[in-house]
Amino acid sequence: GSTSVMDADEDQWRWMWETNVLGTL
């Protein structure tokens, strides 16, 4: 995705944090 903070899709955020951050951890 490519959205503003106000239009953020929480499912997209979860995927990005799971993949990039928690995956690395």
PDB file of all heavy atoms in Angstrom:
ATOM      1  N   GLY A   1       0.785  -1.218   0.000  1.00  0.00           N
ATOM      2  CA  GLY A   1       0.000   0.000   0.000  1.00  0.00           C
ATOM      3  C   GLY A   1       0.822   1.275   0.000  1.00  0.00           C
ATOM      4  O   GLY A   1       2.030   1.272   0.215  1.00  0.00           O
ATOM      5  N   SER A   2       0.130   2.371  -0.249  1.00  0.00           N
ATOM      6  CA  SER A   2       0.741   3.701  -0.251  1.00  0.00           C
ATOM      7  C   SER A   2      -0.348   4.695   0.131  1.00  0.00           C
ATOM      8  O   SER A   2      -1.008   5.290  -0.720  1.00  0.00           O
ATOM      9  CB  SER A   2       1.318   4.022  -1.635  1.00  0.00           C
ATOM     10  OG  SER A   2       1.879   5.308  -1.657  1.00  0.00           O
ATOM     11  N   THR A   3      -0.552   4.848   1.435  1.00  0.00           N
ATOM     12  CA  THR A   3      -1.638   5.685   1.929  1.00  0.00           C
ATOM     13  C   THR A   3      -1.136   6.637   2.997  1.00  0.00           C
ATOM     14  O   THR A   3      -0.083   6.416   3.611  1.00  0.00           O
ATOM     15  CB  THR A   3      -2.772   4.829   2.528  1.00  0.00           C
ATOM     16  OG1 THR A   3      -2.238   4.050   3.615  1.00  0.00           O
ATOM     17  CG2 THR A   3      -3.364   3.884   1.497  1.00  0.00           C
ATOM     18  N   SER A   4      -1.913   7.650   3.236  1.00  0.00           N
ATOM     19  CA  SER A   4      -1.586   8.584   4.312  1.00  0.00           C
ATOM     20  C   SER A   4      -1.793   7.911   5.666  1.00  0.00           C
ATOM     21  O   SER A   4      -2.434   6.849   5.762  1.00  0.00           O
ATOM     22  CB  SER A   4      -2.479   9.822   4.223  1.00  0.00           C
ATOM     23  OG  SER A   4      -3.823   9.476   4.554  1.00  0.00           O
ATOM     24  N   VAL A   5      -1.289   8.535   6.699  1.00  0.00           N
ATOM     25  CA  VAL A   5      -1.492   8.017   8.052  1.00  0.00           C
ATOM     26  C   VAL A   5      -2.982   7.926   8.359  1.00  0.00           C
ATOM     27  O   VAL A   5      -3.464   6.933   8.924  1.00  0.00           O
ATOM     28  CB  VAL A   5      -0.785   8.922   9.087  1.00  0.00           C
ATOM     29  CG1 VAL A   5      -1.157   8.503  10.505  1.00  0.00           C
ATOM     30  CG2 VAL A   5       0.731   8.871   8.908  1.00  0.00           C
ATOM     31  N   MET A   6      -3.732   8.940   7.973  1.00  0.00           N
ATOM     32  CA  MET A   6      -5.156   8.969   8.288  1.00  0.00           C
ATOM     33  C   MET A   6      -5.941   7.882   7.555  1.00  0.00           C
ATOM     34  O   MET A   6      -7.003   7.458   8.007  1.00  0.00           O
ATOM     35  CB  MET A   6      -5.740  10.342   7.966  1.00  0.00           C
ATOM     36  CG  MET A   6      -5.096  11.476   8.774  1.00  0.00           C
ATOM     37  SD  MET A   6      -5.160  11.194  10.562  1.00  0.00           S
ATOM     38  CE  MET A   6      -6.923  11.333  10.848  1.00  0.00           C
ATOM     39  N   ASP A   7      -5.409   7.442   6.409  1.00  0.00           N
ATOM     40  CA  ASP A   7      -6.095   6.407   5.629  1.00  0.00           C
ATOM     41  C   ASP A   7      -5.436   5.033   5.790  1.00  0.00           C
ATOM     42  O   ASP A   7      -5.705   4.114   5.003  1.00  0.00           O
ATOM     43  CB  ASP A   7      -6.098   6.787   4.138  1.00  0.00           C
ATOM     44  CG  ASP A   7      -6.957   8.011   3.859  1.00  0.00           C
ATOM     45  OD1 ASP A   7      -7.972   8.183   4.547  1.00  0.00           O
ATOM     46  OD2 ASP A   7      -6.590   8.785   2.952  1.00  0.00           O
ATOM     47  N   ALA A   8      -4.607   4.886   6.804  1.00  0.00           N
ATOM     48  CA  ALA A   8      -3.833   3.651   6.970  1.00  0.00           C
ATOM     49  C   ALA A   8      -4.728   2.422   7.070  1.00  0.00           C
ATOM     50  O   ALA A   8      -5.762   2.442   7.739  1.00  0.00           O
ATOM     51  CB  ALA A   8      -2.962   3.759   8.216  1.00  0.00           C
ATOM     52  N   ASP A   9      -4.291   1.376   6.390  1.00  0.00           N
ATOM     53  CA  ASP A   9      -4.953   0.071   6.455  1.00  0.00           C
ATOM     54  C   ASP A   9      -4.202  -0.753   7.498  1.00  0.00           C
ATOM     55  O   ASP A   9      -3.047  -1.130   7.288  1.00  0.00           O
ATOM     56  CB  ASP A   9      -4.888  -0.595   5.072  1.00  0.00           C
ATOM     57  CG  ASP A   9      -5.584  -1.939   5.036  1.00  0.00           C
ATOM     58  OD1 ASP A   9      -5.469  -2.714   6.014  1.00  0.00           O
ATOM     59  OD2 ASP A   9      -6.221  -2.236   4.008  1.00  0.00           O
ATOM     60  N   GLU A  10      -4.834  -1.049   8.615  1.00  0.00           N
ATOM     61  CA  GLU A  10      -4.138  -1.719   9.716  1.00  0.00           C
ATOM     62  C   GLU A  10      -3.670  -3.130   9.337  1.00  0.00           C
ATOM     63  O   GLU A  10      -2.637  -3.591   9.832  1.00  0.00           O
ATOM     64  CB  GLU A  10      -5.010  -1.762  10.968  1.00  0.00           C
ATOM     65  CG  GLU A  10      -5.206  -0.392  11.600  1.00  0.00           C
ATOM     66  CD  GLU A  10      -5.821  -0.472  12.991  1.00  0.00           C
ATOM     67  OE1 GLU A  10      -5.875  -1.572  13.568  1.00  0.00           O
ATOM     68  OE2 GLU A  10      -6.242   0.593  13.488  1.00  0.00           O
ATOM     69  N   ASP A  11      -4.391  -3.801   8.469  1.00  0.00           N
ATOM     70  CA  ASP A  11      -3.948  -5.128   8.039  1.00  0.00           C
ATOM     71  C   ASP A  11      -2.641  -5.038   7.252  1.00  0.00           C
ATOM     72  O   ASP A  11      -1.755  -5.893   7.399  1.00  0.00           O
ATOM     73  CB  ASP A  11      -5.026  -5.800   7.195  1.00  0.00           C
ATOM     74  CG  ASP A  11      -6.207  -6.272   8.032  1.00  0.00           C
ATOM     75  OD1 ASP A  11      -6.033  -6.474   9.255  1.00  0.00           O
ATOM     76  OD2 ASP A  11      -7.313  -6.422   7.469  1.00  0.00           O
ATOM     77  N   GLN A  12      -2.526  -4.002   6.417  1.00  0.00           N
ATOM     78  CA  GLN A  12      -1.276  -3.808   5.684  1.00  0.00           C
ATOM     79  C   GLN A  12      -0.131  -3.497   6.648  1.00  0.00           C
ATOM     80  O   GLN A  12       0.979  -4.008   6.498  1.00  0.00           O
ATOM     81  CB  GLN A  12      -1.427  -2.682   4.664  1.00  0.00           C
ATOM     82  CG  GLN A  12      -2.330  -3.028   3.497  1.00  0.00           C
ATOM     83  CD  GLN A  12      -2.457  -1.905   2.500  1.00  0.00           C
ATOM     84  OE1 GLN A  12      -2.160  -0.739   2.797  1.00  0.00           O
ATOM     85  NE2 GLN A  12      -2.913  -2.238   1.294  1.00  0.00           N
ATOM     86  N   TRP A  13      -0.413  -2.670   7.631  1.00  0.00           N
ATOM     87  CA  TRP A  13       0.615  -2.352   8.633  1.00  0.00           C
ATOM     88  C   TRP A  13       1.048  -3.616   9.375  1.00  0.00           C
ATOM     89  O   TRP A  13       2.231  -3.834   9.592  1.00  0.00           O
ATOM     90  CB  TRP A  13       0.076  -1.319   9.631  1.00  0.00           C
ATOM     91  CG  TRP A  13       0.197   0.106   9.165  1.00  0.00           C
ATOM     92  CD1 TRP A  13      -0.329   0.641   8.035  1.00  0.00           C
ATOM     93  CD2 TRP A  13       0.890   1.162   9.834  1.00  0.00           C
ATOM     94  NE1 TRP A  13      -0.022   1.980   7.958  1.00  0.00           N
ATOM     95  CE2 TRP A  13       0.724   2.337   9.053  1.00  0.00           C
ATOM     96  CE3 TRP A  13       1.603   1.249  11.022  1.00  0.00           C
ATOM     97  CZ2 TRP A  13       1.274   3.553   9.411  1.00  0.00           C
ATOM     98  CZ3 TRP A  13       2.152   2.473  11.392  1.00  0.00           C
ATOM     99  CH2 TRP A  13       1.992   3.611  10.588  1.00  0.00           C
ATOM    100  N   ARG A  14       0.101  -4.436   9.786  1.00  0.00           N
ATOM    101  CA  ARG A  14       0.439  -5.673  10.511  1.00  0.00           C
ATOM    102  C   ARG A  14       1.348  -6.562   9.673  1.00  0.00           C
ATOM    103  O   ARG A  14       2.321  -7.127  10.173  1.00  0.00           O
ATOM    104  CB  ARG A  14      -0.831  -6.434  10.901  1.00  0.00           C
ATOM    105  CG  ARG A  14      -1.616  -5.806  12.031  1.00  0.00           C
ATOM    106  CD  ARG A  14      -2.739  -6.711  12.512  1.00  0.00           C
ATOM    107  NE  ARG A  14      -3.600  -5.987  13.439  1.00  0.00           N
ATOM    108  CZ  ARG A  14      -4.698  -5.337  13.089  1.00  0.00           C
ATOM    109  NH1 ARG A  14      -5.098  -5.343  11.828  1.00  0.00           N
ATOM    110  NH2 ARG A  14      -5.417  -4.687  13.987  1.00  0.00           N
ATOM    111  N   TRP A  15       1.008  -6.697   8.399  1.00  0.00           N
ATOM    112  CA  TRP A  15       1.821  -7.536   7.515  1.00  0.00           C
ATOM    113  C   TRP A  15       3.241  -6.983   7.413  1.00  0.00           C
ATOM    114  O   TRP A  15       4.214  -7.735   7.482  1.00  0.00           O
ATOM    115  CB  TRP A  15       1.188  -7.616   6.126  1.00  0.00           C
ATOM    116  CG  TRP A  15       1.942  -8.536   5.201  1.00  0.00           C
ATOM    117  CD1 TRP A  15       1.774  -9.879   5.047  1.00  0.00           C
ATOM    118  CD2 TRP A  15       3.010  -8.148   4.314  1.00  0.00           C
ATOM    119  NE1 TRP A  15       2.668 -10.367   4.119  1.00  0.00           N
ATOM    120  CE2 TRP A  15       3.442  -9.330   3.654  1.00  0.00           C
ATOM    121  CE3 TRP A  15       3.638  -6.937   4.016  1.00  0.00           C
ATOM    122  CZ2 TRP A  15       4.470  -9.323   2.713  1.00  0.00           C
ATOM    123  CZ3 TRP A  15       4.664  -6.936   3.080  1.00  0.00           C
ATOM    124  CH2 TRP A  15       5.077  -8.113   2.433  1.00  0.00           C
ATOM    125  N   MET A  16       3.366  -5.670   7.249  1.00  0.00           N
ATOM    126  CA  MET A  16       4.704  -5.065   7.106  1.00  0.00           C
ATOM    127  C   MET A  16       5.526  -5.204   8.374  1.00  0.00           C
ATOM    128  O   MET A  16       6.733  -5.468   8.326  1.00  0.00           O
ATOM    129  CB  MET A  16       4.572  -3.593   6.682  1.00  0.00           C
ATOM    130  CG  MET A  16       4.161  -3.428   5.233  1.00  0.00           C
ATOM    131  SD  MET A  16       4.126  -1.708   4.658  1.00  0.00           S
ATOM    132  CE  MET A  16       2.508  -1.182   5.207  1.00  0.00           C
ATOM    133  N   TRP A  17       4.890  -5.037   9.523  1.00  0.00           N
ATOM    134  CA  TRP A  17       5.625  -5.175  10.779  1.00  0.00           C
ATOM    135  C   TRP A  17       5.959  -6.638  11.055  1.00  0.00           C
ATOM    136  O   TRP A  17       7.053  -6.953  11.531  1.00  0.00           O
ATOM    137  CB  TRP A  17       4.816  -4.551  11.925  1.00  0.00           C
ATOM    138  CG  TRP A  17       5.028  -3.067  11.987  1.00  0.00           C
ATOM    139  CD1 TRP A  17       4.538  -2.142  11.119  1.00  0.00           C
ATOM    140  CD2 TRP A  17       5.830  -2.344  12.922  1.00  0.00           C
ATOM    141  NE1 TRP A  17       4.973  -0.876  11.473  1.00  0.00           N
ATOM    142  CE2 TRP A  17       5.769  -0.981  12.579  1.00  0.00           C
ATOM    143  CE3 TRP A  17       6.580  -2.727  14.032  1.00  0.00           C
ATOM    144  CZ2 TRP A  17       6.447   0.005  13.286  1.00  0.00           C
ATOM    145  CZ3 TRP A  17       7.248  -1.743  14.753  1.00  0.00           C
ATOM    146  CH2 TRP A  17       7.179  -0.393  14.371  1.00  0.00           C
ATOM    147  N   GLU A  18       5.040  -7.538  10.755  1.00  0.00           N
ATOM    148  CA  GLU A  18       5.321  -8.968  10.934  1.00  0.00           C
ATOM    149  C   GLU A  18       6.475  -9.409  10.036  1.00  0.00           C
ATOM    150  O   GLU A  18       7.354 -10.154  10.463  1.00  0.00           O
ATOM    151  CB  GLU A  18       4.070  -9.804  10.605  1.00  0.00           C
ATOM    152  CG  GLU A  18       3.063  -9.874  11.725  1.00  0.00           C
ATOM    153  CD  GLU A  18       3.433 -10.892  12.798  1.00  0.00           C
ATOM    154  OE1 GLU A  18       4.370 -11.686  12.586  1.00  0.00           O
ATOM    155  OE2 GLU A  18       2.776 -10.883  13.852  1.00  0.00           O
ATOM    156  N   THR A  19       6.447  -8.976   8.791  1.00  0.00           N
ATOM    157  CA  THR A  19       7.437  -9.434   7.815  1.00  0.00           C
ATOM    158  C   THR A  19       8.804  -8.803   8.038  1.00  0.00           C
ATOM    159  O   THR A  19       9.824  -9.498   8.077  1.00  0.00           O
ATOM    160  CB  THR A  19       6.943  -9.125   6.385  1.00  0.00           C
ATOM    161  OG1 THR A  19       5.658  -9.701   6.201  1.00  0.00           O
ATOM    162  CG2 THR A  19       7.903  -9.688   5.356  1.00  0.00           C
ATOM    163  N   ASN A  20       8.838  -7.491   8.180  1.00  0.00           N
ATOM    164  CA  ASN A  20      10.110  -6.780   8.265  1.00  0.00           C
ATOM    165  C   ASN A  20      10.732  -6.815   9.657  1.00  0.00           C
ATOM    166  O   ASN A  20      11.945  -7.005   9.791  1.00  0.00           O
ATOM    167  CB  ASN A  20       9.919  -5.318   7.836  1.00  0.00           C
ATOM    168  CG  ASN A  20       9.543  -5.179   6.374  1.00  0.00           C
ATOM    169  OD1 ASN A  20      10.371  -5.301   5.490  1.00  0.00           O
ATOM    170  ND2 ASN A  20       8.264  -4.933   6.109  1.00  0.00           N
ATOM    171  N   VAL A  21       9.915  -6.649  10.675  1.00  0.00           N
ATOM    172  CA  VAL A  21      10.449  -6.488  12.038  1.00  0.00           C
ATOM    173  C   VAL A  21      10.454  -7.813  12.794  1.00  0.00           C
ATOM    174  O   VAL A  21      11.512  -8.325  13.180  1.00  0.00           O
ATOM    175  CB  VAL A  21       9.649  -5.423  12.826  1.00  0.00           C
ATOM    176  CG1 VAL A  21      10.329  -5.160  14.177  1.00  0.00           C
ATOM    177  CG2 VAL A  21       9.533  -4.136  12.027  1.00  0.00           C
ATOM    178  N   LEU A  22       9.283  -8.379  13.010  1.00  0.00           N
ATOM    179  CA  LEU A  22       9.217  -9.611  13.787  1.00  0.00           C
ATOM    180  C   LEU A  22       9.864 -10.775  13.043  1.00  0.00           C
ATOM    181  O   LEU A  22      10.452 -11.670  13.665  1.00  0.00           O
ATOM    182  CB  LEU A  22       7.768  -9.933  14.151  1.00  0.00           C
ATOM    183  CG  LEU A  22       7.123  -8.931  15.113  1.00  0.00           C
ATOM    184  CD1 LEU A  22       5.665  -9.278  15.355  1.00  0.00           C
ATOM    185  CD2 LEU A  22       7.876  -8.887  16.432  1.00  0.00           C
ATOM    186  N   GLY A  23       9.782 -10.768  11.723  1.00  0.00           N
ATOM    187  CA  GLY A  23      10.462 -11.800  10.952  1.00  0.00           C
ATOM    188  C   GLY A  23      11.959 -11.770  11.174  1.00  0.00           C
ATOM    189  O   GLY A  23      12.601 -12.815  11.366  1.00  0.00           O
ATOM    190  N   THR A  24      12.535 -10.573  11.160  1.00  0.00           N
ATOM    191  CA  THR A  24      13.966 -10.429  11.427  1.00  0.00           C
ATOM    192  C   THR A  24      14.290 -10.863  12.852  1.00  0.00           C
ATOM    193  O   THR A  24      15.278 -11.574  13.096  1.00  0.00           O
ATOM    194  CB  THR A  24      14.399  -8.969  11.203  1.00  0.00           C
ATOM    195  OG1 THR A  24      14.186  -8.633   9.825  1.00  0.00           O
ATOM    196  CG2 THR A  24      15.864  -8.762  11.544  1.00  0.00           C
ATOM    197  N   LEU A  25      13.471 -10.457  13.806  1.00  0.00           N
ATOM    198  CA  LEU A  25      13.673 -10.858  15.200  1.00  0.00           C
ATOM    199  C   LEU A  25      13.693 -12.378  15.325  1.00  0.00           C
ATOM    200  O   LEU A  25      14.573 -12.955  15.976  1.00  0.00           O
ATOM    201  CB  LEU A  25      12.566 -10.273  16.072  1.00  0.00           C
ATOM    202  CG  LEU A  25      12.479 -10.796  17.507  1.00  0.00           C
ATOM    203  CD1 LEU A  25      13.724 -10.438  18.293  1.00  0.00           C
ATOM    204  CD2 LEU A  25      11.226 -10.270  18.199  1.00  0.00           C
TER     205      LEU A  25
END
